[in-house]
C-alpha atoms as a PDB file:
ATOM      1  CA  MET A   1       0.000   0.000   0.000  1.00  0.00           C
ATOM      2  CA  THR A   2       2.985   2.282  -0.027  1.00  0.00           C
ATOM      3  CA  THR A   3       3.479   2.492  -3.774  1.00  0.00           C
ATOM      4  CA  GLY A   4       1.849   3.862  -6.894  1.00  0.00           C
ATOM      5  CA  SER A   5      -1.873   3.210  -7.108  1.00  0.00           C
ATOM      6  CA  SER A   6      -2.791   3.427  -3.450  1.00  0.00           C
ATOM      7  CA  ALA A   7      -6.464   3.959  -4.337  1.00  0.00           C
ATOM      8  CA  THR A   8      -6.577   0.558  -6.025  1.00  0.00           C
ATOM      9  CA  SER A   9      -4.713  -1.035  -3.131  1.00  0.00           C
ATOM     10  CA  PHE A  10      -7.054   0.585  -0.636  1.00  0.00           C
ATOM     11  CA  ASP A  11     -10.046  -0.644  -2.641  1.00  0.00           C
ATOM     12  CA  ASP A  12      -8.513  -4.127  -2.518  1.00  0.00           C
ATOM     13  CA  PHE A  13      -8.071  -3.773   1.217  1.00  0.00           C
ATOM     14  CA  LEU A  14     -11.708  -2.714   1.645  1.00  0.00           C
ATOM     15  CA  LEU A  15     -12.826  -5.827  -0.249  1.00  0.00           C
ATOM     16  CA  LEU A  16     -10.624  -7.922   2.015  1.00  0.00           C
ATOM     17  CA  LEU A  17     -12.045  -6.160   5.074  1.00  0.00           C
ATOM     18  CA  GLY A  18     -15.549  -6.943   3.794  1.00  0.00           C
ATOM     19  CA  ARG A  19     -14.592 -10.627   3.604  1.00  0.00           C
ATOM     20  CA  LEU A  20     -13.244 -10.438   7.152  1.00  0.00           C
ATOM     21  CA  ASN A  21     -16.480  -8.908   8.408  1.00  0.00           C
ATOM     22  CA  TYR A  22     -18.616 -11.458   6.564  1.00  0.00           C
ATOM     23  CA  THR A  23     -16.532 -14.343   7.910  1.00  0.00           C
ATOM     24  CA  TRP A  24     -16.626 -12.851  11.407  1.00  0.00           C
ATOM     25  CA  THR A  25     -20.387 -12.347  11.438  1.00  0.00           C
ATOM     26  CA  ASN A  26     -21.036 -15.772   9.983  1.00  0.00           C
ATOM     27  CA  THR A  27     -18.850 -17.392  12.635  1.00  0.00           C
ATOM     28  CA  GLU A  28     -20.216 -15.259  15.488  1.00  0.00           C
ATOM     29  CA  SER A  29     -23.741 -16.372  14.597  1.00  0.00           C
ATOM     30  CA  LEU A  30     -22.742 -19.935  15.484  1.00  0.00           C
ATOM     31  CA  LEU A  31     -22.756 -18.823  19.112  1.00  0.00           C
ATOM     32  CA  ILE A  32     -26.555 -19.024  18.800  1.00  0.00           C
ATOM     33  CA  HIS A  33     -26.336 -22.803  18.455  1.00  0.00           C
ATOM     34  CA  LEU A  34     -23.928 -23.067  21.380  1.00  0.00           C
ATOM     35  CA  ILE A  35     -26.250 -20.963  23.530  1.00  0.00           C
ATOM     36  CA  ALA A  36     -29.205 -23.155  22.550  1.00  0.00           C
ATOM     37  CA  GLY A  37     -27.353 -26.416  23.158  1.00  0.00           C
ATOM     38  CA  LEU A  38     -25.694 -25.445  26.408  1.00  0.00           C
ATOM     39  CA  SER A  39     -28.802 -23.847  27.895  1.00  0.00           C
ATOM     40  CA  GLY A  40     -31.162 -26.582  26.694  1.00  0.00           C
ATOM     41  CA  THR A  41     -33.411 -24.161  24.839  1.00  0.00           C
ATOM     42  CA  ARG A  42     -34.734 -23.894  21.305  1.00  0.00           C
ATOM     43  CA  LYS A  43     -32.815 -22.077  18.598  1.00  0.00           C
ATOM     44  CA  ASP A  44     -35.435 -19.320  18.278  1.00  0.00           C
ATOM     45  CA  VAL A  45     -35.103 -18.563  21.985  1.00  0.00           C
ATOM     46  CA  ALA A  46     -31.301 -18.586  21.662  1.00  0.00           C
ATOM     47  CA  VAL A  47     -31.605 -16.060  18.819  1.00  0.00           C
ATOM     48  CA  ILE A  48     -33.470 -13.698  21.154  1.00  0.00           C
ATOM     49  CA  ILE A  49     -30.782 -14.133  23.825  1.00  0.00           C
ATOM     50  CA  PHE A  50     -28.008 -13.617  21.244  1.00  0.00           C
ATOM     51  CA  LEU A  51     -29.574 -10.449  19.855  1.00  0.00           C
ATOM     52  CA  THR A  52     -30.252  -9.072  23.338  1.00  0.00           C
ATOM     53  CA  LEU A  53     -26.541  -9.212  24.131  1.00  0.00           C
ATOM     54  CA  ASN A  54     -25.007  -6.200  22.388  1.00  0.00           C
ATOM     55  CA  THR A  55     -21.383  -7.250  22.056  1.00  0.00           C
ATOM     56  CA  THR A  56     -19.374 -10.217  20.919  1.00  0.00           C
ATOM     57  CA  ARG A  57     -17.636 -10.194  24.292  1.00  0.00           C
ATOM     58  CA  ALA A  58     -20.983 -10.534  26.124  1.00  0.00           C
ATOM     59  CA  ARG A  59     -22.032 -13.402  23.842  1.00  0.00           C
ATOM     60  CA  ILE A  60     -18.755 -15.211  24.361  1.00  0.00           C
ATOM     61  CA  ASP A  61     -18.981 -14.620  28.122  1.00  0.00           C
ATOM     62  CA  LEU A  62     -22.423 -16.239  28.149  1.00  0.00           C
ATOM     63  CA  VAL A  63     -21.248 -19.268  26.176  1.00  0.00           C
ATOM     64  CA  GLU A  64     -18.206 -19.651  28.445  1.00  0.00           C
ATOM     65  CA  ARG A  65     -20.321 -19.391  31.589  1.00  0.00           C
ATOM     66  CA  LEU A  66     -22.806 -21.931  30.255  1.00  0.00           C
ATOM     67  CA  ALA A  67     -19.897 -24.236  29.379  1.00  0.00           C
ATOM     68  CA  LYS A  68     -18.694 -24.010  32.997  1.00  0.00           C
ATOM     69  CA  HIS A  69     -22.051 -25.184  34.337  1.00  0.00           C
ATOM     70  CA  PRO A  70     -21.704 -28.382  36.404  1.00  0.00           C
ATOM     71  CA  ASP A  71     -23.914 -30.314  33.940  1.00  0.00           C
ATOM     72  CA  VAL A  72     -21.354 -29.839  31.153  1.00  0.00           C
ATOM     73  CA  SER A  73     -18.612 -32.462  31.029  1.00  0.00           C
ATOM     74  CA  ASP A  74     -15.026 -31.384  31.549  1.00  0.00           C
ATOM     75  CA  VAL A  75     -14.161 -32.502  28.011  1.00  0.00           C
ATOM     76  CA  ASP A  76     -17.013 -30.494  26.463  1.00  0.00           C
ATOM     77  CA  ARG A  77     -16.217 -27.480  28.640  1.00  0.00           C
ATOM     78  CA  ASP A  78     -12.566 -27.509  27.644  1.00  0.00           C
ATOM     79  CA  GLU A  79     -13.401 -27.852  23.939  1.00  0.00           C
ATOM     80  CA  ILE A  80     -15.863 -24.958  24.069  1.00  0.00           C
ATOM     81  CA  LEU A  81     -13.468 -22.756  26.039  1.00  0.00           C
ATOM     82  CA  GLU A  82     -10.741 -23.468  23.506  1.00  0.00           C
ATOM     83  CA  LEU A  83     -13.067 -22.430  20.666  1.00  0.00           C
ATOM     84  CA  THR A  84     -14.247 -19.257  22.409  1.00  0.00           C
ATOM     85  CA  GLY A  85     -10.642 -18.411  23.271  1.00  0.00           C
ATOM     86  CA  SER A  86      -9.713 -18.692  19.607  1.00  0.00           C
ATOM     87  CA  PHE A  87     -12.646 -16.482  18.694  1.00  0.00           C
ATOM     88  CA  GLN A  88     -11.618 -13.862  21.236  1.00  0.00           C
ATOM     89  CA  ARG A  89      -8.008 -13.859  20.021  1.00  0.00           C
ATOM     90  CA  LEU A  90      -9.177 -13.271  16.446  1.00  0.00           C
ATOM     91  CA  SER A  91     -11.227 -10.265  17.509  1.00  0.00           C
ATOM     92  CA  GLY A  92      -8.093  -8.112  17.649  1.00  0.00           C
ATOM     93  CA  THR A  93      -7.626  -7.998  13.889  1.00  0.00           C
ATOM     94  CA  ARG A  94     -11.284  -7.288  13.230  1.00  0.00           C
ATOM     95  CA  ASN A  95     -11.415  -4.595  15.898  1.00  0.00           C
ATOM     96  CA  ARG A  96      -8.220  -2.945  14.649  1.00  0.00           C
ATOM     97  CA  TYR A  97      -9.607  -2.298  11.170  1.00  0.00           C
ATOM     98  CA  ASN A  98     -13.234  -1.634  12.105  1.00  0.00           C
ATOM     99  CA  HIS A  99     -12.495   0.808  14.918  1.00  0.00           C
ATOM    100  CA  CYS A 100      -9.923   3.050  13.311  1.00  0.00           C
ATOM    101  CA  ILE A 101      -9.608   6.094  11.133  1.00  0.00           C
ATOM    102  CA  TYR A 102      -7.864   5.699   7.784  1.00  0.00           C
ATOM    103  CA  SER A 103      -5.271   8.324   6.913  1.00  0.00           C
ATOM    104  CA  PHE A 104      -4.026   8.997   3.376  1.00  0.00           C
ATOM    105  CA  ASP A 105      -0.686  10.661   2.639  1.00  0.00           C
ATOM    106  CA  VAL A 106      -1.088  12.484  -0.668  1.00  0.00           C
ATOM    107  CA  GLU A 107       2.651  12.886  -1.216  1.00  0.00           C
ATOM    108  CA  SER A 108       3.806   9.318  -0.564  1.00  0.00           C
ATOM    109  CA  GLY A 109       0.569   7.603  -1.544  1.00  0.00           C
ATOM    110  CA  SER A 110       0.613   5.549   1.642  1.00  0.00           C
ATOM    111  CA  THR A 111      -2.374   4.670   3.768  1.00  0.00           C
ATOM    112  CA  SER A 112      -2.277   4.291   7.541  1.00  0.00           C
ATOM    113  CA  THR A 113      -4.690   3.388  10.278  1.00  0.00           C
ATOM    114  CA  ILE A 114      -5.115   5.422  13.434  1.00  0.00           C
ATOM    115  CA  LEU A 115      -6.558   3.374  16.285  1.00  0.00           C
ATOM    116  CA  MET A 116      -9.462   4.972  18.093  1.00  0.00           C
ATOM    117  CA  ARG A 117      -8.545   3.618  21.501  1.00  0.00           C
ATOM    118  CA  ILE A 118      -7.021   5.040  24.639  1.00  0.00           C
ATOM    119  CA  ALA A 119      -4.283   2.949  26.194  1.00  0.00           C
ATOM    120  CA  ASP A 120      -3.801   3.743  29.877  1.00  0.00           C
ATOM    121  CA  ARG A 121      -0.202   3.589  31.067  1.00  0.00           C
ATOM    122  CA  ARG A 122       1.066   4.087  34.600  1.00  0.00           C
ATOM    123  CA  LYS A 123       1.526   7.833  34.344  1.00  0.00           C
ATOM    124  CA  LYS A 124       0.107   8.793  30.947  1.00  0.00           C
ATOM    125  CA  ILE A 125      -2.285   7.785  28.226  1.00  0.00           C
ATOM    126  CA  LYS A 126      -1.507   6.785  24.665  1.00  0.00           C
ATOM    127  CA  VAL A 127      -3.969   7.769  21.948  1.00  0.00           C
ATOM    128  CA  GLY A 128      -4.117   7.140  18.219  1.00  0.00           C
ATOM    129  CA  GLU A 129      -1.541   4.450  17.496  1.00  0.00           C
ATOM    130  CA  VAL A 130      -0.623   4.747  13.808  1.00  0.00           C
ATOM    131  CA  SER A 131       0.079   1.699  11.617  1.00  0.00           C
ATOM    132  CA  LEU A 132       0.943   1.570   7.953  1.00  0.00           C
ATOM    133  CA  LEU A 133      -1.529  -0.324   5.778  1.00  0.00           C
ATOM    134  CA  ASP A 134       1.118  -2.405   4.053  1.00  0.00           C
ATOM    135  CA  LYS A 135       1.686  -5.942   2.775  1.00  0.00           C
ATOM    136  CA  GLU A 136       1.885  -7.273   6.335  1.00  0.00           C
ATOM    137  CA  ALA A 137      -1.500  -5.725   7.137  1.00  0.00           C
ATOM    138  CA  PHE A 138      -3.044  -7.446   4.100  1.00  0.00           C
ATOM    139  CA  GLU A 139      -1.455 -10.743   5.112  1.00  0.00           C
ATOM    140  CA  GLY A 140      -2.688 -10.356   8.693  1.00  0.00           C
ATOM    141  CA  VAL A 141      -6.273  -9.910   7.513  1.00  0.00           C
ATOM    142  CA  GLU A 142      -5.951 -12.850   5.116  1.00  0.00           C
ATOM    143  CA  THR A 143      -4.622 -15.006   7.969  1.00  0.00           C
ATOM    144  CA  ALA A 144      -7.498 -13.912  10.215  1.00  0.00           C
ATOM    145  CA  ILE A 145     -10.025 -14.849   7.510  1.00  0.00           C
ATOM    146  CA  ALA A 146      -8.445 -18.293   7.121  1.00  0.00           C
ATOM    147  CA  SER A 147      -8.396 -18.771  10.907  1.00  0.00           C
ATOM    148  CA  LEU A 148     -12.040 -17.713  11.224  1.00  0.00           C
ATOM    149  CA  SER A 149     -13.011 -20.144   8.455  1.00  0.00           C
ATOM    150  CA  LYS A 150     -11.233 -22.951  10.297  1.00  0.00           C
ATOM    151  CA  LEU A 151     -12.872 -21.920  13.583  1.00  0.00           C
ATOM    152  CA  ASN A 152     -16.261 -21.898  11.836  1.00  0.00           C
ATOM    153  CA  GLN A 153     -15.734 -25.507  10.748  1.00  0.00           C
ATOM    154  CA  GLN A 154     -14.623 -26.519  14.240  1.00  0.00           C
ATOM    155  CA  VAL A 155     -17.689 -24.947  15.854  1.00  0.00           C
ATOM    156  CA  TRP A 156     -19.983 -26.618  13.312  1.00  0.00           C
ATOM    157  CA  GLY A 157     -18.270 -29.931  14.119  1.00  0.00           C
ATOM    158  CA  LEU A 158     -19.020 -29.457  17.815  1.00  0.00           C
ATOM    159  CA  ILE A 159     -22.616 -28.412  17.128  1.00  0.00           C
ATOM    160  CA  ARG A 160     -23.206 -31.525  15.031  1.00  0.00           C
ATOM    161  CA  ALA A 161     -21.363 -33.858  17.422  1.00  0.00           C
ATOM    162  CA  LYS A 162     -23.389 -32.647  20.407  1.00  0.00           C
ATOM    163  CA  GLY A 163     -26.683 -32.496  18.529  1.00  0.00           C
ATOM    164  CA  TYR A 164     -27.218 -28.849  19.418  1.00  0.00           C
ATOM    165  CA  PRO A 165     -30.251 -27.186  17.782  1.00  0.00           C
ATOM    166  CA  VAL A 166     -29.667 -26.018  14.238  1.00  0.00           C
END
């Protein structure tokens, strides 16, 4: 993204970001089936619960807490916690590119992201971390998409194996 036709490269990045968001949303929706299966409810009720929780973090918290219920076997609990942990780790890439401002340098043609987050340090705050939207950024998003696709398949495998409502 640091050379020549940065507009084309940025357009390519936006398409890639769209794929990331689609893959993310598709995978996050599988939490509905985990909520239904772990809570012993119907899928339509789990949809209401899922939609009532406003954040991915809240939805994952619910699934993790349900997985820790005494009626859930240790093996099932550990498998679910591993899957939700993977999901949480992947949220960093998605959050980075969905909660930032994009900055364009007219002279160099480069594009950067400026994070819209405050990082509290011991005696100061850090605001607006800047990162170049370069080859490594593209590769990081591509890796996240591949990881989310794999996670999606793993969650579907668990849903089918446990007979959770679909």
